[in-house]
Amino acid sequence: MGPSISVREDHLFTVRTERDGGSLLVRASGEIDFANAEMLERELVRASGCDASVIVLDLGDVDFIDTTALQALVSGAERFREDGNRLSMWLGSSAAVHRLVELCGVEGELPLTG
């Protein structure tokens, strides 16, 4: 059986989830702010409930992020730490996410890769 794909959109924000075997890729793109951070949080909760052994949150295509969304990331990371550390977050070339993570000093609270 091939990979399964789910897409959720909210105005300027999209979350695409791809399941392939034991891996789950959650790819966020666009702008994440107080108006749609809850959607990101719901996707992380949904991901934490799946049986994938590896879960990657790809934030490389995020153009804007505010502190509400950053808190959703920190909360999601905490949930996954309690559930076996299956989550890794990839920031890619997203200057917005890199900047806010560094500004708020939460690098140690997020399972950053790459």
C-alpha atoms as a PDB file:
ATOM      1  CA  MET A   1       0.000   0.000   0.000  1.00  0.00           C
ATOM      2  CA  GLY A   2       1.308   3.503  -0.853  1.00  0.00           C
ATOM      3  CA  PRO A   3       1.542   6.547   1.370  1.00  0.00           C
ATOM      4  CA  SER A   4      -1.574   8.229   2.747  1.00  0.00           C
ATOM      5  CA  ILE A   5      -1.925  12.003   2.553  1.00  0.00           C
ATOM      6  CA  SER A   6      -4.128  14.491   4.402  1.00  0.00           C
ATOM      7  CA  VAL A   7      -4.277  18.253   3.799  1.00  0.00           C
ATOM      8  CA  ARG A   8      -5.819  20.895   6.073  1.00  0.00           C
ATOM      9  CA  GLU A   9      -5.990  24.554   5.136  1.00  0.00           C
ATOM     10  CA  ASP A  10      -6.935  27.711   6.988  1.00  0.00           C
ATOM     11  CA  HIS A  11      -6.609  30.865   4.899  1.00  0.00           C
ATOM     12  CA  LEU A  12      -2.829  31.491   4.776  1.00  0.00           C
ATOM     13  CA  PHE A  13      -1.787  28.289   6.575  1.00  0.00           C
ATOM     14  CA  THR A  14      -1.630  24.712   5.283  1.00  0.00           C
ATOM     15  CA  VAL A  15      -0.718  21.465   7.021  1.00  0.00           C
ATOM     16  CA  ARG A  16      -0.027  18.442   4.842  1.00  0.00           C
ATOM     17  CA  THR A  17       0.408  15.092   6.594  1.00  0.00           C
ATOM     18  CA  GLU A  18       1.962  12.155   4.771  1.00  0.00           C
ATOM     19  CA  ARG A  19       2.124   8.652   6.220  1.00  0.00           C
ATOM     20  CA  ASP A  20       4.466   6.148   4.642  1.00  0.00           C
ATOM     21  CA  GLY A  21       5.011   2.942   6.556  1.00  0.00           C
ATOM     22  CA  GLY A  22       6.364   3.704  10.025  1.00  0.00           C
ATOM     23  CA  SER A  23       7.037   7.373   9.269  1.00  0.00           C
ATOM     24  CA  LEU A  24       4.785  10.414   9.443  1.00  0.00           C
ATOM     25  CA  LEU A  25       5.710  13.746   7.870  1.00  0.00           C
ATOM     26  CA  VAL A  26       3.739  16.814   8.962  1.00  0.00           C
ATOM     27  CA  ARG A  27       4.584  19.701   6.626  1.00  0.00           C
ATOM     28  CA  ALA A  28       3.453  23.213   7.651  1.00  0.00           C
ATOM     29  CA  SER A  29       3.516  26.106   5.206  1.00  0.00           C
ATOM     30  CA  GLY A  30       2.428  29.725   5.147  1.00  0.00           C
ATOM     31  CA  GLU A  31       1.671  31.870   8.182  1.00  0.00           C
ATOM     32  CA  ILE A  32       1.061  30.468  11.663  1.00  0.00           C
ATOM     33  CA  ASP A  33      -0.410  32.929  14.147  1.00  0.00           C
ATOM     34  CA  PHE A  34      -2.946  33.224  16.958  1.00  0.00           C
ATOM     35  CA  ALA A  35      -5.803  32.691  14.486  1.00  0.00           C
ATOM     36  CA  ASN A  36      -4.650  29.262  13.306  1.00  0.00           C
ATOM     37  CA  ALA A  37      -2.119  28.002  15.870  1.00  0.00           C
ATOM     38  CA  GLU A  38      -4.871  25.767  17.236  1.00  0.00           C
ATOM     39  CA  MET A  39      -4.983  23.939  13.899  1.00  0.00           C
ATOM     40  CA  LEU A  40      -1.258  23.208  14.207  1.00  0.00           C
ATOM     41  CA  GLU A  41      -1.764  22.040  17.772  1.00  0.00           C
ATOM     42  CA  ARG A  42      -4.610  19.708  16.700  1.00  0.00           C
ATOM     43  CA  GLU A  43      -2.394  18.200  14.006  1.00  0.00           C
ATOM     44  CA  LEU A  44       0.363  17.564  16.553  1.00  0.00           C
ATOM     45  CA  VAL A  45      -2.151  15.917  18.909  1.00  0.00           C
ATOM     46  CA  ARG A  46      -3.400  13.780  16.021  1.00  0.00           C
ATOM     47  CA  ALA A  47       0.191  12.838  15.134  1.00  0.00           C
ATOM     48  CA  SER A  48       0.975  11.907  18.736  1.00  0.00           C
ATOM     49  CA  GLY A  49      -1.930   9.455  18.671  1.00  0.00           C
ATOM     50  CA  CYS A  50      -0.690   7.548  15.636  1.00  0.00           C
ATOM     51  CA  ASP A  51       1.576   4.530  15.798  1.00  0.00           C
ATOM     52  CA  ALA A  52       4.355   5.930  13.582  1.00  0.00           C
ATOM     53  CA  SER A  53       7.799   5.323  15.030  1.00  0.00           C
ATOM     54  CA  VAL A  54       9.224   8.493  13.442  1.00  0.00           C
ATOM     55  CA  ILE A  55       7.349  11.795  13.182  1.00  0.00           C
ATOM     56  CA  VAL A  56       8.888  14.834  11.494  1.00  0.00           C
ATOM     57  CA  LEU A  57       7.380  18.313  11.647  1.00  0.00           C
ATOM     58  CA  ASP A  58       8.726  20.237   8.647  1.00  0.00           C
ATOM     59  CA  LEU A  59       8.537  24.007   9.214  1.00  0.00           C
ATOM     60  CA  GLY A  60      10.790  24.941   6.292  1.00  0.00           C
ATOM     61  CA  ASP A  61       7.986  26.621   4.313  1.00  0.00           C
ATOM     62  CA  VAL A  62       6.650  28.753   7.180  1.00  0.00           C
ATOM     63  CA  ASP A  63       6.810  32.450   6.235  1.00  0.00           C
ATOM     64  CA  PHE A  64       5.552  33.893   9.525  1.00  0.00           C
ATOM     65  CA  ILE A  65       5.124  32.572  13.052  1.00  0.00           C
ATOM     66  CA  ASP A  66       4.044  34.328  16.239  1.00  0.00           C
ATOM     67  CA  THR A  67       4.503  33.429  19.897  1.00  0.00           C
ATOM     68  CA  THR A  68       1.103  31.690  20.065  1.00  0.00           C
ATOM     69  CA  ALA A  69       2.241  29.262  17.385  1.00  0.00           C
ATOM     70  CA  LEU A  70       5.637  28.890  19.059  1.00  0.00           C
ATOM     71  CA  GLN A  71       3.863  27.920  22.273  1.00  0.00           C
ATOM     72  CA  ALA A  72       1.935  25.270  20.309  1.00  0.00           C
ATOM     73  CA  LEU A  73       5.285  23.874  19.127  1.00  0.00           C
ATOM     74  CA  VAL A  74       6.714  23.850  22.657  1.00  0.00           C
ATOM     75  CA  SER A  75       3.562  22.141  24.003  1.00  0.00           C
ATOM     76  CA  GLY A  76       3.660  19.590  21.196  1.00  0.00           C
ATOM     77  CA  ALA A  77       7.325  18.849  21.868  1.00  0.00           C
ATOM     78  CA  GLU A  78       6.563  18.333  25.547  1.00  0.00           C
ATOM     79  CA  ARG A  79       3.730  15.920  24.709  1.00  0.00           C
ATOM     80  CA  PHE A  80       6.065  13.890  22.496  1.00  0.00           C
ATOM     81  CA  ARG A  81       8.828  13.847  25.133  1.00  0.00           C
ATOM     82  CA  GLU A  82       6.358  12.250  27.511  1.00  0.00           C
ATOM     83  CA  ASP A  83       5.416   9.797  24.745  1.00  0.00           C
ATOM     84  CA  GLY A  84       8.859   8.509  23.765  1.00  0.00           C
ATOM     85  CA  ASN A  85      10.554  11.315  21.798  1.00  0.00           C
ATOM     86  CA  ARG A  86       9.267  10.266  18.350  1.00  0.00           C
ATOM     87  CA  LEU A  87       9.067  13.871  17.119  1.00  0.00           C
ATOM     88  CA  SER A  88      11.734  15.912  15.387  1.00  0.00           C
ATOM     89  CA  MET A  89      11.271  19.443  14.037  1.00  0.00           C
ATOM     90  CA  TRP A  90      13.024  20.624  10.915  1.00  0.00           C
ATOM     91  CA  LEU A  91      13.222  24.393  10.433  1.00  0.00           C
ATOM     92  CA  GLY A  92      14.884  24.304   7.042  1.00  0.00           C
ATOM     93  CA  SER A  93      15.431  27.746   5.585  1.00  0.00           C
ATOM     94  CA  SER A  94      12.529  29.412   7.410  1.00  0.00           C
ATOM     95  CA  ALA A  95      14.138  32.615   8.655  1.00  0.00           C
ATOM     96  CA  ALA A  96      10.931  33.520  10.517  1.00  0.00           C
ATOM     97  CA  VAL A  97      10.941  30.346  12.620  1.00  0.00           C
ATOM     98  CA  HIS A  98      14.708  30.439  13.210  1.00  0.00           C
ATOM     99  CA  ARG A  99      14.491  34.060  14.356  1.00  0.00           C
ATOM    100  CA  LEU A 100      11.582  33.529  16.779  1.00  0.00           C
ATOM    101  CA  VAL A 101      13.052  30.337  18.254  1.00  0.00           C
ATOM    102  CA  GLU A 102      16.343  32.129  18.918  1.00  0.00           C
ATOM    103  CA  LEU A 103      14.683  35.327  20.158  1.00  0.00           C
ATOM    104  CA  CYS A 104      12.556  33.406  22.660  1.00  0.00           C
ATOM    105  CA  GLY A 105      15.416  31.093  23.658  1.00  0.00           C
ATOM    106  CA  VAL A 106      13.462  27.847  23.270  1.00  0.00           C
ATOM    107  CA  GLU A 107      16.013  25.882  21.221  1.00  0.00           C
ATOM    108  CA  GLY A 108      16.493  23.450  24.110  1.00  0.00           C
ATOM    109  CA  GLU A 109      12.765  22.816  24.436  1.00  0.00           C
ATOM    110  CA  LEU A 110      12.287  21.786  20.805  1.00  0.00           C
ATOM    111  CA  PRO A 111      13.563  18.575  19.165  1.00  0.00           C
ATOM    112  CA  LEU A 112      15.321  20.452  16.348  1.00  0.00           C
ATOM    113  CA  THR A 113      17.126  18.640  13.561  1.00  0.00           C
ATOM    114  CA  GLY A 114      19.179  19.852  10.637  1.00  0.00           C
END
